[in-house]
Amino acid sequence: GKCVKKIKPKNLWELSCSLAISRPGASSFLDQFCDYVHNGIKIKINPLIDNVLERTGGVCLFQEQVLKMLNNLGMDLENCEAIRKAIGKKDRYAIKESKQKIYDVCSKNNHSIELANLIWKIVNDSSGYQFCLSHSLAYASLSAATIYLKINYPKEFYLSLLNMTKNEQDYVKILSYINFELKKNNLSLLPPHILRSNIEFKIENNGIRFGLGAIKGISDKAIEKLQNFKTNYSSKFDI
């Protein structure tokens, strides 16, 4: 939330970067990334890695960028991929084992010790957890669609949310969060009603009617019998 508010993403790429920069290792560079997004300021570090980090303002956000930088140093793709994989799995032991390989490659290809130190710092910082680009873009795409639906179709959005979460372990806690959100949007979570409720939650006027299937202790079979028994003309006395 903090990252998105500060970055104010205007497109799918910036939203994807906003999600990735909140991961450990990258979040400390939020101000630098915002300078890039809002003011176009690009930090030049070293020609071997500047082109890799150009689209992220000099901040390493994705596993693929780590792989490409290591390859630019002269490391073969097999070892690059092994390090990227270790980052993806948060395998700190394997990442520490890669340190010497990074320094050896830099020494072999006559790169400065400062560059070797920087690359190792990036790899080590990324070990806390770093998105791969495809993962981040998929999250961003889903986030964008969700935001659009929440703003433009709030009743349908919260209806789907309620019907999806009723089987979750922390259902009561989740329900309280959703109820709070509904009130913020001037919508009501209507209580269970023997006549008006269906098995699932449903939209009713300016609110959402509680589904009988979400009440703990009532079997699906009992609800099904009740649903079959009701008619459009039922009254409480009929029931």
Protein backbone atom coordinates (compact mmCIF):
# COMPACT_ATOMS: atom_id res chain seq x y z
CA GLY A 1 0.00 0.00 0.00
CA LYS A 2 2.74 2.47 0.96
CA CYS A 3 4.69 1.75 -2.24
CA VAL A 4 1.68 2.12 -4.53
CA LYS A 5 0.63 5.40 -2.88
CA LYS A 6 4.10 6.83 -3.32
CA ILE A 7 4.72 5.58 -6.86
CA LYS A 8 1.16 6.26 -8.18
CA PRO A 9 1.48 3.75 -11.04
CA LYS A 10 -0.02 4.88 -14.36
CA ASN A 11 0.33 1.65 -16.33
CA LEU A 12 0.80 -2.10 -15.98
CA TRP A 13 4.61 -1.88 -15.94
CA GLU A 14 4.71 0.66 -13.11
CA LEU A 15 2.13 -1.35 -11.16
CA SER A 16 4.24 -4.46 -11.63
CA CYS A 17 7.31 -2.58 -10.34
CA SER A 18 5.28 -1.27 -7.38
CA LEU A 19 4.50 -4.84 -6.35
CA ALA A 20 8.09 -5.98 -6.80
CA ILE A 21 9.70 -3.09 -4.93
CA SER A 22 7.81 -3.93 -1.74
CA ARG A 23 9.85 -7.17 -1.45
CA PRO A 24 12.84 -7.38 0.93
CA GLY A 25 16.03 -6.05 -0.60
CA ALA A 26 14.32 -3.57 -2.91
CA SER A 27 12.06 -1.57 -0.60
CA SER A 28 14.96 0.58 0.66
CA PHE A 29 15.30 1.96 -2.90
CA LEU A 30 11.72 3.23 -3.08
CA ASP A 31 12.74 6.91 -3.16
CA GLN A 32 15.24 6.26 -5.95
CA PHE A 33 12.60 4.46 -8.00
CA CYS A 34 10.08 7.28 -7.41
CA ASP A 35 12.67 9.80 -8.68
CA TYR A 36 12.84 7.74 -11.87
CA VAL A 37 9.05 7.40 -12.29
CA HIS A 38 8.14 11.00 -11.46
CA ASN A 39 11.22 12.92 -12.63
CA GLY A 40 12.89 10.58 -15.13
CA ILE A 41 16.12 10.49 -13.08
CA LYS A 42 18.23 7.49 -14.07
CA ILE A 43 21.12 6.43 -11.84
CA LYS A 44 24.21 5.43 -13.82
CA ILE A 45 26.19 2.72 -12.06
CA ASN A 46 28.29 0.79 -14.57
CA PRO A 47 27.89 0.23 -18.34
CA LEU A 48 27.68 -3.54 -17.79
CA ILE A 49 24.52 -3.24 -15.70
CA ASP A 50 22.99 0.14 -16.60
CA ASN A 51 21.12 -1.27 -19.62
CA VAL A 52 19.72 -4.10 -17.45
CA LEU A 53 18.36 -1.70 -14.81
CA GLU A 54 17.33 1.09 -17.20
CA ARG A 55 13.58 0.40 -17.05
CA THR A 56 13.60 0.22 -13.25
CA GLY A 57 15.55 3.39 -12.54
CA GLY A 58 18.76 1.66 -11.50
CA VAL A 59 17.00 -0.56 -8.94
CA CYS A 60 17.16 -4.36 -9.29
CA LEU A 61 13.57 -5.55 -8.94
CA PHE A 62 13.38 -8.86 -10.81
CA GLN A 63 15.18 -12.19 -10.83
CA GLU A 64 15.70 -11.91 -14.58
CA GLN A 65 17.73 -8.72 -14.03
CA VAL A 66 20.06 -10.56 -11.66
CA LEU A 67 20.51 -13.31 -14.25
CA LYS A 68 21.28 -10.82 -17.03
CA MET A 69 23.76 -8.80 -14.93
CA LEU A 70 25.68 -11.93 -13.94
CA ASN A 71 25.77 -13.00 -17.58
CA ASN A 72 27.07 -9.55 -18.59
CA LEU A 73 29.94 -10.05 -16.13
CA GLY A 74 30.92 -13.16 -18.09
CA MET A 75 29.25 -15.90 -16.03
CA ASP A 76 27.81 -18.79 -18.06
CA LEU A 77 24.03 -19.08 -18.20
CA GLU A 78 23.95 -22.35 -16.26
CA ASN A 79 25.51 -20.73 -13.18
CA CYS A 80 23.44 -17.56 -13.68
CA GLU A 81 20.26 -19.63 -13.67
CA ALA A 82 21.38 -21.57 -10.59
CA ILE A 83 21.77 -18.28 -8.66
CA ARG A 84 18.44 -16.95 -9.97
CA LYS A 85 16.78 -20.20 -8.90
CA ALA A 86 18.33 -19.94 -5.42
CA ILE A 87 16.91 -16.41 -5.08
CA GLY A 88 13.47 -17.65 -6.15
CA LYS A 89 13.62 -20.41 -3.52
CA LYS A 90 15.10 -18.11 -0.84
CA ASP A 91 17.94 -20.62 -0.51
CA ARG A 92 20.38 -18.47 1.48
CA TYR A 93 22.95 -21.26 1.75
CA ALA A 94 23.14 -21.68 -2.05
CA ILE A 95 23.33 -17.90 -2.48
CA LYS A 96 26.26 -17.64 -0.03
CA GLU A 97 27.96 -20.45 -1.94
CA SER A 98 27.69 -18.34 -5.11
CA LYS A 99 29.69 -15.44 -3.66
CA GLN A 100 33.07 -16.82 -4.66
CA LYS A 101 31.83 -17.55 -8.20
CA ILE A 102 30.84 -13.90 -8.62
CA TYR A 103 34.25 -12.65 -7.45
CA ASP A 104 36.06 -15.22 -9.59
CA VAL A 105 34.17 -14.18 -12.73
CA CYS A 106 34.87 -10.49 -12.05
CA SER A 107 38.58 -11.20 -11.50
CA LYS A 108 38.81 -13.37 -14.63
CA ASN A 109 37.20 -10.68 -16.79
CA ASN A 110 39.17 -7.78 -15.25
CA HIS A 111 36.16 -6.12 -13.62
CA SER A 112 36.80 -3.85 -10.64
CA ILE A 113 36.44 -5.05 -7.07
CA GLU A 114 33.84 -2.27 -6.59
CA LEU A 115 31.66 -3.82 -9.31
CA ALA A 116 32.09 -7.29 -7.78
CA ASN A 117 31.08 -5.91 -4.37
CA LEU A 118 28.02 -4.24 -5.87
CA ILE A 119 26.83 -7.32 -7.75
CA TRP A 120 27.31 -9.48 -4.66
CA LYS A 121 25.34 -6.96 -2.57
CA ILE A 122 22.48 -7.03 -5.11
CA VAL A 123 22.43 -10.85 -5.13
CA ASN A 124 22.62 -11.06 -1.33
CA ASP A 125 19.90 -8.41 -0.85
CA SER A 126 17.69 -10.27 -3.32
CA SER A 127 17.94 -13.47 -1.27
CA GLY A 128 15.19 -12.31 1.11
CA TYR A 129 12.72 -12.78 -1.74
CA GLN A 130 12.48 -11.29 -5.19
CA PHE A 131 9.78 -11.57 -7.85
CA CYS A 132 10.43 -12.92 -11.29
CA LEU A 133 9.04 -10.60 -13.96
CA SER A 134 6.32 -12.95 -15.23
CA HIS A 135 5.08 -13.44 -11.66
CA SER A 136 5.01 -9.70 -11.02
CA LEU A 137 3.23 -8.86 -14.29
CA ALA A 138 0.61 -11.54 -13.62
CA TYR A 139 0.00 -10.08 -10.14
CA ALA A 140 -0.19 -6.57 -11.61
CA SER A 141 -2.68 -7.66 -14.28
CA LEU A 142 -4.90 -9.30 -11.67
CA SER A 143 -4.56 -6.27 -9.36
CA ALA A 144 -5.56 -3.85 -12.15
CA ALA A 145 -8.64 -5.91 -13.04
CA THR A 146 -9.59 -6.21 -9.35
CA ILE A 147 -9.24 -2.45 -8.77
CA TYR A 148 -11.41 -1.73 -11.83
CA LEU A 149 -14.15 -4.10 -10.67
CA LYS A 150 -14.04 -2.88 -7.07
CA ILE A 151 -14.49 0.76 -8.15
CA ASN A 152 -17.04 0.25 -10.93
CA TYR A 153 -18.99 -2.81 -9.75
CA PRO A 154 -18.64 -2.80 -5.93
CA LYS A 155 -21.72 -4.93 -5.16
CA GLU A 156 -20.71 -7.65 -7.61
CA PHE A 157 -17.09 -7.44 -6.42
CA TYR A 158 -17.94 -7.92 -2.74
CA LEU A 159 -20.52 -10.59 -3.58
CA SER A 160 -17.82 -12.66 -5.30
CA LEU A 161 -15.45 -12.02 -2.42
CA LEU A 162 -17.98 -13.22 0.16
CA ASN A 163 -18.85 -16.34 -1.80
CA MET A 164 -15.14 -17.15 -2.25
CA THR A 165 -14.08 -16.67 1.38
CA LYS A 166 -16.81 -18.53 3.25
CA ASN A 167 -14.71 -21.71 3.41
CA GLU A 168 -11.55 -19.98 4.65
CA GLN A 169 -10.18 -20.85 8.10
CA ASP A 170 -10.21 -17.20 9.25
CA TYR A 171 -13.68 -16.70 7.81
CA VAL A 172 -15.05 -14.66 10.75
CA LYS A 173 -12.08 -12.28 10.61
CA ILE A 174 -12.33 -11.96 6.81
CA LEU A 175 -16.07 -11.36 7.08
CA SER A 176 -15.49 -8.50 9.53
CA TYR A 177 -13.00 -6.90 7.09
CA ILE A 178 -15.44 -7.19 4.19
CA ASN A 179 -18.29 -5.82 6.31
CA PHE A 180 -16.09 -2.83 7.20
CA GLU A 181 -15.33 -2.27 3.49
CA LEU A 182 -19.02 -2.52 2.60
CA LYS A 183 -19.91 0.20 5.13
CA LYS A 184 -17.18 2.44 3.69
CA ASN A 185 -18.89 2.06 0.30
CA ASN A 186 -22.39 2.71 1.71
CA LEU A 187 -23.40 -0.90 1.19
CA SER A 188 -24.98 -3.21 3.76
CA LEU A 189 -24.38 -6.82 4.69
CA LEU A 190 -27.97 -7.91 5.31
CA PRO A 191 -28.52 -10.63 7.96
CA PRO A 192 -29.61 -14.19 7.14
CA HIS A 193 -33.34 -14.44 6.39
CA ILE A 194 -35.30 -17.66 6.22
CA LEU A 195 -37.29 -16.44 3.21
CA ARG A 196 -34.98 -14.02 1.43
CA SER A 197 -31.63 -15.76 1.79
CA ASN A 198 -30.36 -18.23 -0.78
CA ILE A 199 -27.67 -20.82 -0.17
CA GLU A 200 -25.07 -18.36 -1.55
CA PHE A 201 -24.75 -14.66 -0.75
CA LYS A 202 -26.82 -12.55 -3.16
CA ILE A 203 -27.30 -8.90 -4.12
CA GLU A 204 -30.46 -7.40 -2.65
CA ASN A 205 -31.28 -3.72 -3.22
CA ASN A 206 -28.32 -1.68 -1.94
CA GLY A 207 -26.71 -4.51 -0.05
CA ILE A 208 -25.75 -8.17 0.00
CA ARG A 209 -27.95 -10.75 1.68
CA PHE A 210 -26.13 -13.28 3.86
CA GLY A 211 -26.11 -16.81 2.38
CA LEU A 212 -27.54 -19.62 4.49
CA GLY A 213 -24.67 -21.88 3.38
CA ALA A 214 -22.22 -19.63 5.23
CA ILE A 215 -23.86 -20.22 8.63
CA LYS A 216 -21.85 -22.64 10.71
CA GLY A 217 -23.69 -25.77 11.83
CA ILE A 218 -26.36 -25.82 9.12
CA SER A 219 -25.94 -28.72 6.70
CA ASP A 220 -26.22 -28.32 2.95
CA LYS A 221 -28.93 -30.96 2.93
CA ALA A 222 -31.09 -29.01 5.39
CA ILE A 223 -30.68 -25.81 3.36
CA GLU A 224 -31.52 -27.64 0.15
CA LYS A 225 -34.75 -28.96 1.70
CA LEU A 226 -35.66 -25.47 2.86
CA GLN A 227 -34.98 -24.00 -0.58
CA ASN A 228 -37.13 -26.66 -2.25
CA PHE A 229 -39.93 -26.06 0.23
CA LYS A 230 -40.13 -22.30 -0.30
CA THR A 231 -42.21 -20.65 -3.01
CA ASN A 232 -42.39 -17.07 -4.25
CA TYR A 233 -45.52 -16.62 -2.14
CA SER A 234 -44.15 -18.10 1.09
CA SER A 235 -44.69 -16.26 4.33
CA LYS A 236 -43.23 -16.92 7.75
CA PHE A 237 -46.43 -18.72 8.62
CA ASP A 238 -46.11 -20.98 5.57
CA ILE A 239 -42.57 -21.85 6.54
